[in-house]
C-alpha atoms as a PDB file:
ATOM      1  CA  MET A   1      62.153   4.836 103.039  1.00  0.00           C
ATOM      2  CA  THR A   2      63.091   4.328 106.718  1.00  0.00           C
ATOM      3  CA  HIS A   3      65.099   6.964 108.533  1.00  0.00           C
ATOM      4  CA  PRO A   4      66.674   5.749 111.780  1.00  0.00           C
ATOM      5  CA  ALA A   5      67.047   8.237 114.629  1.00  0.00           C
ATOM      6  CA  VAL A   6      65.274  11.170 113.004  1.00  0.00           C
ATOM      7  CA  THR A   7      62.179  13.221 113.702  1.00  0.00           C
ATOM      8  CA  VAL A   8      60.025  15.391 111.451  1.00  0.00           C
ATOM      9  CA  ARG A   9      60.218  19.122 112.222  1.00  0.00           C
ATOM     10  CA  VAL A  10      57.248  21.170 110.983  1.00  0.00           C
ATOM     11  CA  ARG A  11      57.317  24.969 110.980  1.00  0.00           C
ATOM     12  CA  LEU A  12      53.976  26.697 111.584  1.00  0.00           C
ATOM     13  CA  PRO A  13      53.047  30.301 110.762  1.00  0.00           C
ATOM     14  CA  SER A  14      50.655  30.681 113.708  1.00  0.00           C
ATOM     15  CA  ALA A  15      49.182  28.931 116.734  1.00  0.00           C
ATOM     16  CA  ALA A  16      45.986  28.419 114.732  1.00  0.00           C
ATOM     17  CA  ASP A  17      47.812  25.799 112.658  1.00  0.00           C
ATOM     18  CA  VAL A  18      48.972  23.668 115.598  1.00  0.00           C
ATOM     19  CA  ASP A  19      45.888  21.478 115.949  1.00  0.00           C
ATOM     20  CA  LEU A  20      45.515  20.993 112.197  1.00  0.00           C
ATOM     21  CA  ALA A  21      49.152  20.018 111.726  1.00  0.00           C
ATOM     22  CA  ALA A  22      49.221  17.775 114.793  1.00  0.00           C
ATOM     23  CA  ASP A  23      46.083  15.968 113.639  1.00  0.00           C
ATOM     24  CA  ALA A  24      47.635  15.352 110.221  1.00  0.00           C
ATOM     25  CA  LEU A  25      50.803  13.986 111.829  1.00  0.00           C
ATOM     26  CA  TRP A  26      48.908  11.702 114.237  1.00  0.00           C
ATOM     27  CA  ARG A  27      46.887  10.286 111.342  1.00  0.00           C
ATOM     28  CA  ALA A  28      50.086   9.673 109.396  1.00  0.00           C
ATOM     29  CA  GLY A  29      51.524   7.510 112.172  1.00  0.00           C
ATOM     30  CA  ALA A  30      53.327   9.821 114.597  1.00  0.00           C
ATOM     31  CA  VAL A  31      53.745   8.251 118.041  1.00  0.00           C
ATOM     32  CA  ALA A  32      54.868  11.458 119.782  1.00  0.00           C
ATOM     33  CA  ILE A  33      54.488  15.153 118.995  1.00  0.00           C
ATOM     34  CA  GLU A  34      56.082  18.063 120.858  1.00  0.00           C
ATOM     35  CA  GLU A  35      55.256  21.731 120.367  1.00  0.00           C
ATOM     36  CA  ARG A  36      58.154  24.159 120.715  1.00  0.00           C
ATOM     37  CA  GLU A  37      58.811  27.856 120.286  1.00  0.00           C
ATOM     38  CA  ALA A  38      61.628  28.679 117.872  1.00  0.00           C
ATOM     39  CA  SER A  39      63.168  31.799 116.369  1.00  0.00           C
ATOM     40  CA  GLU A  40      61.028  31.363 113.254  1.00  0.00           C
ATOM     41  CA  GLY A  41      57.826  30.812 115.253  1.00  0.00           C
ATOM     42  CA  LEU A  42      56.132  27.636 116.417  1.00  0.00           C
ATOM     43  CA  VAL A  43      57.363  24.193 115.412  1.00  0.00           C
ATOM     44  CA  LEU A  44      56.088  20.680 115.930  1.00  0.00           C
ATOM     45  CA  ILE A  45      58.555  17.828 116.433  1.00  0.00           C
ATOM     46  CA  ALA A  46      56.997  14.488 115.467  1.00  0.00           C
ATOM     47  CA  GLY A  47      58.513  11.057 115.940  1.00  0.00           C
ATOM     48  CA  VAL A  48      57.727   7.552 114.721  1.00  0.00           C
ATOM     49  CA  ALA A  49      58.240   4.186 116.393  1.00  0.00           C
ATOM     50  CA  ALA A  50      61.731   2.690 116.320  1.00  0.00           C
ATOM     51  CA  GLY A  51      62.516   1.706 112.735  1.00  0.00           C
ATOM     52  CA  GLY A  52      59.356   3.443 111.541  1.00  0.00           C
ATOM     53  CA  ASP A  53      58.851   5.303 108.282  1.00  0.00           C
ATOM     54  CA  THR A  54      58.886   9.107 108.376  1.00  0.00           C
ATOM     55  CA  GLU A  55      57.788   9.558 104.753  1.00  0.00           C
ATOM     56  CA  PRO A  56      54.029   9.451 105.571  1.00  0.00           C
ATOM     57  CA  LEU A  57      54.549  12.261 108.086  1.00  0.00           C
ATOM     58  CA  LEU A  58      56.339  14.399 105.522  1.00  0.00           C
ATOM     59  CA  ALA A  59      53.631  13.656 102.961  1.00  0.00           C
ATOM     60  CA  ALA A  60      50.884  14.581 105.431  1.00  0.00           C
ATOM     61  CA  VAL A  61      52.131  18.168 105.763  1.00  0.00           C
ATOM     62  CA  ALA A  62      53.596  18.623 102.270  1.00  0.00           C
ATOM     63  CA  GLY A  63      52.345  21.738 100.506  1.00  0.00           C
ATOM     64  CA  ARG A  64      50.816  23.162 103.691  1.00  0.00           C
ATOM     65  CA  TRP A  65      53.684  23.680 106.143  1.00  0.00           C
ATOM     66  CA  PRO A  66      57.484  23.546 105.662  1.00  0.00           C
ATOM     67  CA  ALA A  67      58.918  20.304 107.084  1.00  0.00           C
ATOM     68  CA  GLU A  68      62.305  18.658 107.344  1.00  0.00           C
ATOM     69  CA  LEU A  69      63.975  15.606 108.854  1.00  0.00           C
ATOM     70  CA  VAL A  70      66.056  16.324 111.955  1.00  0.00           C
ATOM     71  CA  PRO A  71      68.619  13.857 113.397  1.00  0.00           C
ATOM     72  CA  VAL A  72      68.070  12.749 116.984  1.00  0.00           C
ATOM     73  CA  ASP A  73      70.630  12.101 119.700  1.00  0.00           C
ATOM     74  CA  LEU A  74      69.066   8.806 120.764  1.00  0.00           C
ATOM     75  CA  ASP A  75      70.869   8.538 124.094  1.00  0.00           C
ATOM     76  CA  ALA A  76      69.812  12.018 125.126  1.00  0.00           C
ATOM     77  CA  ALA A  77      66.259  11.577 123.835  1.00  0.00           C
ATOM     78  CA  LEU A  78      65.705   8.234 125.516  1.00  0.00           C
ATOM     79  CA  ASP A  79      66.918   9.536 128.855  1.00  0.00           C
ATOM     80  CA  ALA A  80      65.345  12.999 128.761  1.00  0.00           C
ATOM     81  CA  TRP A  81      62.040  11.777 130.207  1.00  0.00           C
ATOM     82  CA  ARG A  82      63.742  11.058 133.542  1.00  0.00           C
ATOM     83  CA  ASP A  83      63.905  14.750 134.407  1.00  0.00           C
ATOM     84  CA  HIS A  84      60.114  14.943 134.136  1.00  0.00           C
ATOM     85  CA  ALA A  85      59.147  11.548 135.594  1.00  0.00           C
ATOM     86  CA  ARG A  86      56.537  11.737 138.315  1.00  0.00           C
ATOM     87  CA  LEU A  87      54.341   9.583 140.479  1.00  0.00           C
ATOM     88  CA  VAL A  88      51.109   8.639 138.679  1.00  0.00           C
ATOM     89  CA  GLU A  89      47.914   7.508 140.378  1.00  0.00           C
ATOM     90  CA  VAL A  90      45.820   5.182 138.225  1.00  0.00           C
ATOM     91  CA  GLY A  91      42.282   3.978 138.802  1.00  0.00           C
ATOM     92  CA  ASP A  92      41.211   3.282 142.364  1.00  0.00           C
ATOM     93  CA  ARG A  93      44.056   1.080 143.576  1.00  0.00           C
ATOM     94  CA  LEU A  94      47.319   1.693 141.729  1.00  0.00           C
ATOM     95  CA  VAL A  95      50.152   4.192 141.825  1.00  0.00           C
ATOM     96  CA  VAL A  96      53.224   4.082 139.586  1.00  0.00           C
ATOM     97  CA  ARG A  97      56.460   5.848 140.512  1.00  0.00           C
ATOM     98  CA  PRO A  98      60.047   5.779 139.287  1.00  0.00           C
ATOM     99  CA  PRO A  99      62.595   4.393 141.789  1.00  0.00           C
ATOM    100  CA  TRP A 100      64.199   7.802 142.356  1.00  0.00           C
ATOM    101  CA  ALA A 101      60.915   9.535 143.270  1.00  0.00           C
ATOM    102  CA  ARG A 102      59.736   9.618 146.850  1.00  0.00           C
ATOM    103  CA  PRO A 103      56.464   7.870 147.758  1.00  0.00           C
ATOM    104  CA  SER A 104      53.593  10.295 148.195  1.00  0.00           C
ATOM    105  CA  PRO A 105      51.470  10.346 151.380  1.00  0.00           C
ATOM    106  CA  ARG A 106      48.489  10.865 149.079  1.00  0.00           C
ATOM    107  CA  ALA A 107      49.067   7.397 147.623  1.00  0.00           C
ATOM    108  CA  SER A 108      48.664   5.688 150.992  1.00  0.00           C
ATOM    109  CA  GLY A 109      46.556   2.546 150.688  1.00  0.00           C
ATOM    110  CA  ARG A 110      47.243   2.101 146.978  1.00  0.00           C
ATOM    111  CA  ILE A 111      49.307  -0.693 145.457  1.00  0.00           C
ATOM    112  CA  GLU A 112      52.634   0.886 144.527  1.00  0.00           C
ATOM    113  CA  LEU A 113      54.385  -0.173 141.327  1.00  0.00           C
ATOM    114  CA  VAL A 114      58.017   0.955 141.214  1.00  0.00           C
ATOM    115  CA  ILE A 115      58.884   1.091 137.524  1.00  0.00           C
ATOM    116  CA  ASP A 116      62.029   2.157 135.692  1.00  0.00           C
ATOM    117  CA  PRO A 117      61.387   1.555 131.971  1.00  0.00           C
ATOM    118  CA  GLY A 118      64.998   2.229 131.039  1.00  0.00           C
ATOM    119  CA  ARG A 119      64.949   2.417 127.237  1.00  0.00           C
ATOM    120  CA  ALA A 120      61.577   0.652 126.952  1.00  0.00           C
ATOM    121  CA  PHE A 121      58.049   2.100 126.846  1.00  0.00           C
ATOM    122  CA  GLY A 122      55.871   2.102 129.939  1.00  0.00           C
ATOM    123  CA  SER A 123      56.667   4.611 132.680  1.00  0.00           C
ATOM    124  CA  GLY A 124      52.981   4.811 133.520  1.00  0.00           C
ATOM    125  CA  ALA A 125      52.635   8.463 132.556  1.00  0.00           C
ATOM    126  CA  HIS A 126      51.464   8.050 128.946  1.00  0.00           C
ATOM    127  CA  PRO A 127      47.669   8.141 128.483  1.00  0.00           C
ATOM    128  CA  SER A 128      47.638   4.759 126.729  1.00  0.00           C
ATOM    129  CA  THR A 129      49.414   3.142 129.688  1.00  0.00           C
ATOM    130  CA  ARG A 130      47.125   4.810 132.209  1.00  0.00           C
ATOM    131  CA  LEU A 131      44.107   3.599 130.267  1.00  0.00           C
ATOM    132  CA  ALA A 132      45.448   0.053 130.066  1.00  0.00           C
ATOM    133  CA  LEU A 133      46.205  -0.023 133.799  1.00  0.00           C
ATOM    134  CA  ALA A 134      42.750   1.258 134.696  1.00  0.00           C
ATOM    135  CA  ALA A 135      41.089  -1.307 132.411  1.00  0.00           C
ATOM    136  CA  LEU A 136      43.294  -4.039 133.888  1.00  0.00           C
ATOM    137  CA  GLU A 137      42.247  -3.052 137.393  1.00  0.00           C
ATOM    138  CA  ARG A 138      38.568  -3.307 136.411  1.00  0.00           C
ATOM    139  CA  SER A 139      38.939  -6.538 134.442  1.00  0.00           C
ATOM    140  CA  LEU A 140      41.177  -8.781 136.547  1.00  0.00           C
ATOM    141  CA  VAL A 141      39.261 -11.574 138.260  1.00  0.00           C
ATOM    142  CA  GLY A 142      40.678 -13.934 140.872  1.00  0.00           C
ATOM    143  CA  ASP A 143      43.954 -15.716 140.178  1.00  0.00           C
ATOM    144  CA  ALA A 144      43.873 -15.230 136.400  1.00  0.00           C
ATOM    145  CA  ARG A 145      46.680 -16.126 134.044  1.00  0.00           C
ATOM    146  CA  VAL A 146      47.705 -12.981 132.168  1.00  0.00           C
ATOM    147  CA  LEU A 147      49.442 -12.287 128.857  1.00  0.00           C
ATOM    148  CA  ASP A 148      51.072  -8.867 128.350  1.00  0.00           C
ATOM    149  CA  ALA A 149      51.831  -8.642 124.619  1.00  0.00           C
ATOM    150  CA  GLY A 150      54.413  -5.972 123.836  1.00  0.00           C
ATOM    151  CA  CYS A 151      55.273  -5.690 127.508  1.00  0.00           C
ATOM    152  CA  GLY A 152      57.729  -2.766 127.317  1.00  0.00           C
ATOM    153  CA  SER A 153      58.684  -2.009 130.918  1.00  0.00           C
ATOM    154  CA  GLY A 154      56.468  -4.836 132.183  1.00  0.00           C
ATOM    155  CA  VAL A 155      54.210  -2.410 134.042  1.00  0.00           C
ATOM    156  CA  LEU A 156      50.966  -4.121 132.962  1.00  0.00           C
ATOM    157  CA  ALA A 157      52.090  -7.653 133.797  1.00  0.00           C
ATOM    158  CA  ILE A 158      53.542  -6.506 137.121  1.00  0.00           C
ATOM    159  CA  ALA A 159      50.346  -4.631 137.979  1.00  0.00           C
ATOM    160  CA  ALA A 160      48.307  -7.754 137.221  1.00  0.00           C
ATOM    161  CA  LEU A 161      50.468  -9.846 139.542  1.00  0.00           C
ATOM    162  CA  ARG A 162      50.325  -7.257 142.329  1.00  0.00           C
ATOM    163  CA  LEU A 163      46.531  -7.199 141.938  1.00  0.00           C
ATOM    164  CA  GLY A 164      46.253 -10.957 142.397  1.00  0.00           C
ATOM    165  CA  ALA A 165      46.928 -12.728 139.098  1.00  0.00           C
ATOM    166  CA  SER A 166      48.465 -16.164 139.594  1.00  0.00           C
ATOM    167  CA  ARG A 167      50.964 -15.939 136.741  1.00  0.00           C
ATOM    168  CA  ALA A 168      51.819 -13.553 133.924  1.00  0.00           C
ATOM    169  CA  THR A 169      53.732 -13.818 130.677  1.00  0.00           C
ATOM    170  CA  GLY A 170      55.337 -10.744 129.117  1.00  0.00           C
ATOM    171  CA  ILE A 171      56.519 -10.845 125.512  1.00  0.00           C
ATOM    172  CA  ASP A 172      58.325  -8.236 123.431  1.00  0.00           C
ATOM    173  CA  VAL A 173      60.624  -8.180 120.404  1.00  0.00           C
ATOM    174  CA  ASP A 174      62.870  -5.526 121.986  1.00  0.00           C
ATOM    175  CA  PRO A 175      65.693  -6.955 124.161  1.00  0.00           C
ATOM    176  CA  ALA A 176      65.756  -3.700 126.165  1.00  0.00           C
ATOM    177  CA  ALA A 177      62.096  -4.241 127.047  1.00  0.00           C
ATOM    178  CA  LEU A 178      62.720  -7.789 128.228  1.00  0.00           C
ATOM    179  CA  ASP A 179      65.607  -6.617 130.412  1.00  0.00           C
ATOM    180  CA  ALA A 180      63.514  -3.790 131.870  1.00  0.00           C
ATOM    181  CA  THR A 181      60.617  -6.140 132.565  1.00  0.00           C
ATOM    182  CA  ARG A 182      62.839  -8.593 134.446  1.00  0.00           C
ATOM    183  CA  ARG A 183      64.429  -5.814 136.530  1.00  0.00           C
ATOM    184  CA  ASN A 184      61.078  -4.257 137.362  1.00  0.00           C
ATOM    185  CA  ALA A 185      59.531  -7.616 138.237  1.00  0.00           C
ATOM    186  CA  GLU A 186      62.380  -8.272 140.674  1.00  0.00           C
ATOM    187  CA  ARG A 187      62.067  -4.746 142.077  1.00  0.00           C
ATOM    188  CA  ASN A 188      58.363  -5.368 142.747  1.00  0.00           C
ATOM    189  CA  GLY A 189      58.795  -8.875 144.152  1.00  0.00           C
ATOM    190  CA  VAL A 190      56.939 -10.787 141.414  1.00  0.00           C
ATOM    191  CA  LEU A 191      59.759 -12.218 139.288  1.00  0.00           C
ATOM    192  CA  ASP A 192      58.957 -15.777 140.447  1.00  0.00           C
ATOM    193  CA  ARG A 193      55.485 -15.528 138.873  1.00  0.00           C
ATOM    194  CA  LEU A 194      56.457 -13.762 135.639  1.00  0.00           C
ATOM    195  CA  SER A 195      57.748 -15.376 132.443  1.00  0.00           C
ATOM    196  CA  VAL A 196      59.501 -13.068 129.980  1.00  0.00           C
ATOM    197  CA  SER A 197      60.112 -14.039 126.361  1.00  0.00           C
ATOM    198  CA  ASP A 198      60.658 -12.788 122.816  1.00  0.00           C
ATOM    199  CA  ALA A 199      58.435 -15.619 121.526  1.00  0.00           C
ATOM    200  CA  SER A 200      55.387 -14.980 119.359  1.00  0.00           C
ATOM    201  CA  VAL A 201      51.846 -14.705 120.684  1.00  0.00           C
ATOM    202  CA  ASP A 202      51.043 -18.001 118.958  1.00  0.00           C
ATOM    203  CA  HIS A 203      53.909 -19.769 120.716  1.00  0.00           C
ATOM    204  CA  VAL A 204      53.135 -18.544 124.223  1.00  0.00           C
ATOM    205  CA  ALA A 205      49.441 -19.238 123.740  1.00  0.00           C
ATOM    206  CA  ALA A 206      50.258 -22.831 122.783  1.00  0.00           C
ATOM    207  CA  THR A 207      52.802 -23.410 125.560  1.00  0.00           C
ATOM    208  CA  ARG A 208      51.523 -21.289 128.458  1.00  0.00           C
ATOM    209  CA  GLY A 209      47.959 -20.367 127.570  1.00  0.00           C
ATOM    210  CA  PRO A 210      45.175 -19.908 127.122  1.00  0.00           C
ATOM    211  CA  PHE A 211      44.908 -16.791 129.262  1.00  0.00           C
ATOM    212  CA  GLU A 212      42.039 -15.370 131.288  1.00  0.00           C
ATOM    213  CA  LEU A 213      43.262 -11.815 130.626  1.00  0.00           C
ATOM    214  CA  VAL A 214      45.194 -10.609 127.579  1.00  0.00           C
ATOM    215  CA  LEU A 215      46.651  -7.080 127.490  1.00  0.00           C
ATOM    216  CA  ALA A 216      48.185  -5.261 124.523  1.00  0.00           C
ATOM    217  CA  ASN A 217      49.244  -1.606 124.544  1.00  0.00           C
ATOM    218  CA  MET A 218      50.494  -1.100 120.993  1.00  0.00           C
ATOM    219  CA  LEU A 219      49.957   1.116 117.976  1.00  0.00           C
ATOM    220  CA  LEU A 220      47.145   0.331 115.551  1.00  0.00           C
ATOM    221  CA  PRO A 221      49.223  -1.480 112.873  1.00  0.00           C
ATOM    222  CA  GLN A 222      50.605  -3.930 115.443  1.00  0.00           C
ATOM    223  CA  LEU A 223      47.189  -4.486 117.031  1.00  0.00           C
ATOM    224  CA  VAL A 224      45.625  -5.189 113.640  1.00  0.00           C
ATOM    225  CA  ALA A 225      48.427  -7.587 112.671  1.00  0.00           C
ATOM    226  CA  LEU A 226      48.031  -9.496 115.952  1.00  0.00           C
ATOM    227  CA  ALA A 227      44.229  -9.626 115.999  1.00  0.00           C
ATOM    228  CA  GLY A 228      44.052 -13.326 115.152  1.00  0.00           C
ATOM    229  CA  PRO A 229      46.773 -14.525 117.559  1.00  0.00           C
ATOM    230  CA  LEU A 230      45.486 -12.372 120.433  1.00  0.00           C
ATOM    231  CA  ARG A 231      41.936 -13.663 120.013  1.00  0.00           C
ATOM    232  CA  ALA A 232      43.263 -17.232 119.857  1.00  0.00           C
ATOM    233  CA  ALA A 233      45.147 -16.724 123.141  1.00  0.00           C
ATOM    234  CA  LEU A 234      41.917 -16.085 125.072  1.00  0.00           C
ATOM    235  CA  ALA A 235      40.508 -18.744 127.357  1.00  0.00           C
ATOM    236  CA  PRO A 236      36.714 -19.217 127.409  1.00  0.00           C
ATOM    237  CA  GLY A 237      35.183 -16.248 129.221  1.00  0.00           C
ATOM    238  CA  ALA A 238      38.448 -14.301 129.117  1.00  0.00           C
ATOM    239  CA  THR A 239      38.906 -10.552 128.730  1.00  0.00           C
ATOM    240  CA  LEU A 240      40.988  -8.701 126.128  1.00  0.00           C
ATOM    241  CA  VAL A 241      42.225  -5.157 126.826  1.00  0.00           C
ATOM    242  CA  LEU A 242      43.644  -3.143 123.935  1.00  0.00           C
ATOM    243  CA  SER A 243      45.209   0.303 124.228  1.00  0.00           C
ATOM    244  CA  GLY A 244      47.576   2.470 122.211  1.00  0.00           C
ATOM    245  CA  VAL A 245      45.244   3.740 119.478  1.00  0.00           C
ATOM    246  CA  LEU A 246      43.872   7.211 118.875  1.00  0.00           C
ATOM    247  CA  THR A 247      40.158   7.796 119.290  1.00  0.00           C
ATOM    248  CA  GLU A 248      39.733   8.325 115.537  1.00  0.00           C
ATOM    249  CA  GLN A 249      41.252   4.877 114.941  1.00  0.00           C
ATOM    250  CA  ARG A 250      38.410   3.139 116.778  1.00  0.00           C
ATOM    251  CA  ARG A 251      36.627   1.925 113.636  1.00  0.00           C
ATOM    252  CA  PRO A 252      39.563  -0.032 112.095  1.00  0.00           C
ATOM    253  CA  LEU A 253      40.442  -1.468 115.518  1.00  0.00           C
ATOM    254  CA  LEU A 254      36.933  -2.817 116.088  1.00  0.00           C
ATOM    255  CA  ALA A 255      36.797  -4.159 112.535  1.00  0.00           C
ATOM    256  CA  ALA A 256      40.019  -6.106 113.082  1.00  0.00           C
ATOM    257  CA  TYR A 257      38.672  -7.769 116.236  1.00  0.00           C
ATOM    258  CA  ALA A 258      35.179  -8.610 115.000  1.00  0.00           C
ATOM    259  CA  PRO A 259      33.086 -10.537 115.939  1.00  0.00           C
ATOM    260  CA  LEU A 260      34.221  -9.509 119.447  1.00  0.00           C
ATOM    261  CA  GLU A 261      32.199  -6.532 120.630  1.00  0.00           C
ATOM    262  CA  PRO A 262      33.526  -3.994 123.142  1.00  0.00           C
ATOM    263  CA  ALA A 263      32.230  -4.175 126.683  1.00  0.00           C
ATOM    264  CA  ALA A 264      33.845  -0.875 127.694  1.00  0.00           C
ATOM    265  CA  GLU A 265      35.752   2.006 126.123  1.00  0.00           C
ATOM    266  CA  GLN A 266      37.716   4.795 127.796  1.00  0.00           C
ATOM    267  CA  ALA A 267      39.507   7.798 126.298  1.00  0.00           C
ATOM    268  CA  ASP A 268      42.239  10.049 127.679  1.00  0.00           C
ATOM    269  CA  GLU A 269      43.908  12.942 125.846  1.00  0.00           C
ATOM    270  CA  GLY A 270      42.855  11.564 122.459  1.00  0.00           C
ATOM    271  CA  TRP A 271      43.941   7.981 123.188  1.00  0.00           C
ATOM    272  CA  LEU A 272      41.544   5.049 123.463  1.00  0.00           C
ATOM    273  CA  ALA A 273      41.424   1.740 125.336  1.00  0.00           C
ATOM    274  CA  VAL A 274      38.856  -0.937 124.515  1.00  0.00           C
ATOM    275  CA  THR A 275      37.887  -3.927 126.656  1.00  0.00           C
ATOM    276  CA  PHE A 276      36.428  -7.000 124.942  1.00  0.00           C
ATOM    277  CA  PRO A 277      34.861 -10.055 126.548  1.00  0.00           C
ATOM    278  CA  ALA A 278      35.861 -13.334 124.873  1.00  0.00           C
ATOM    279  CA  ARG A 279      33.202 -15.472 123.209  1.00  0.00           C
END
């Protein structure tokens, strides 16, 4: 059963239960978890991806902790992050900041990406995005052609172009993501080298590929489903960067992309990014 615009609220008897409950929720498919203090004690608020199924989350805590579905004010929730947005330094060369934040003197000499994700994912602050950006910085060679699958705000494609890629293609099924990517590309002066589309990976690989660098920052189910098309989009000697999975999901991710073997792996706050060389 799919519940639009709801989260799962789990009541915990003590702080000792927080890690256990959070781990169960992550494993069940939560994409965000917030710990709060409430009148009845501690609670965890867990969310799923847009259109996702909350039943596995409820099942994961059933019989151990009381849980309920709580409606979400989507407009308020989607905009709430703006109050906490901050400048983020990534790797050795990049810094990401929202348009309303002032540049930092500390970021002098770095390539600045000015990103407003709007209602899309990709402000630069999430560990999976930071990992993907750092892997991109290490992996990009020369004037590569780049595919950003599930582009969200476009931050990865825009970073690739600012770092020297010749062209980039960003694809996403969410119209809000495509709009945000176009606006951010224009804001960063790379719109003339970026193609944005809701086409499939197969289609863009056939019409604009193959690509020397393929990036995908998605949850495990999407990465597994796209394993074949993403591998097929790689040019000879290309690099594939995957992010958006939890460290404990490493085994199924690697199994889906066999026979490719990881050249590098990085973790941050329980999230994992894997870099594969093409064969």
